[in-house]
């Protein structure tokens, strides 16, 4: 619906939610997450970049 990779979204949000202020939780919804964080999502330690 928001044209985001579900895996990237969930990995990022699950890491970010621990330190994200409660007053800014709406930023973690898919629509706002795409605008604010999709360009540089947090990655899992298991993420391997292929070049």
Protein backbone atom coordinates (compact mmCIF):
# COMPACT_ATOMS: atom_id res chain seq x y z
CA UNK A 1 0.00 0.00 0.00
CA UNK A 2 2.83 2.41 0.79
CA UNK A 3 5.34 0.80 -1.56
CA UNK A 4 7.82 -0.16 1.16
CA UNK A 5 9.69 -3.39 1.74
CA UNK A 6 7.90 -5.07 4.68
CA UNK A 7 11.10 -6.73 5.91
CA UNK A 8 13.04 -3.43 5.95
CA UNK A 9 10.13 -1.73 7.69
CA UNK A 10 9.72 -4.31 10.46
CA UNK A 11 13.44 -4.71 11.11
CA UNK A 12 13.84 -0.94 11.37
CA UNK A 13 10.77 -0.35 13.54
CA UNK A 14 11.56 -3.22 15.92
CA UNK A 15 14.99 -1.72 16.54
CA UNK A 16 13.85 1.89 16.61
CA UNK A 17 10.83 1.47 18.92
CA UNK A 18 13.05 0.86 21.97
CA UNK A 19 14.52 4.35 21.90
CA UNK A 20 11.81 6.27 20.04
CA UNK A 21 9.87 8.78 22.16
CA UNK A 22 6.31 7.70 22.95
CA UNK A 23 5.04 11.08 21.81
CA UNK A 24 6.38 10.36 18.32
CA UNK A 25 5.03 6.82 17.86
CA UNK A 26 2.95 7.91 14.83
CA UNK A 27 6.27 8.41 13.00
CA UNK A 28 6.63 4.62 13.03
CA UNK A 29 3.48 4.00 11.00
CA UNK A 30 4.27 2.91 7.44
CA UNK A 31 3.23 6.18 5.78
CA UNK A 32 5.36 8.44 7.99
CA UNK A 33 8.17 5.90 8.33
CA UNK A 34 8.59 5.99 4.55
CA UNK A 35 8.96 9.77 4.59
CA UNK A 36 11.27 9.91 7.61
CA UNK A 37 13.36 6.74 7.73
CA UNK A 38 13.08 4.63 4.56
CA UNK A 39 16.11 6.20 2.90
CA UNK A 40 18.39 4.89 5.68
CA UNK A 41 16.62 2.09 7.56
CA UNK A 42 18.24 0.43 10.55
CA UNK A 43 19.51 -3.00 9.58
CA UNK A 44 19.74 -6.34 11.31
CA UNK A 45 23.18 -7.70 12.18
CA UNK A 46 22.30 -10.44 9.71
CA UNK A 47 21.88 -7.99 6.82
CA UNK A 48 24.51 -8.48 4.15
CA UNK A 49 25.03 -5.88 1.49
CA UNK A 50 25.76 -7.15 -1.95
CA UNK A 51 27.81 -4.90 -4.15
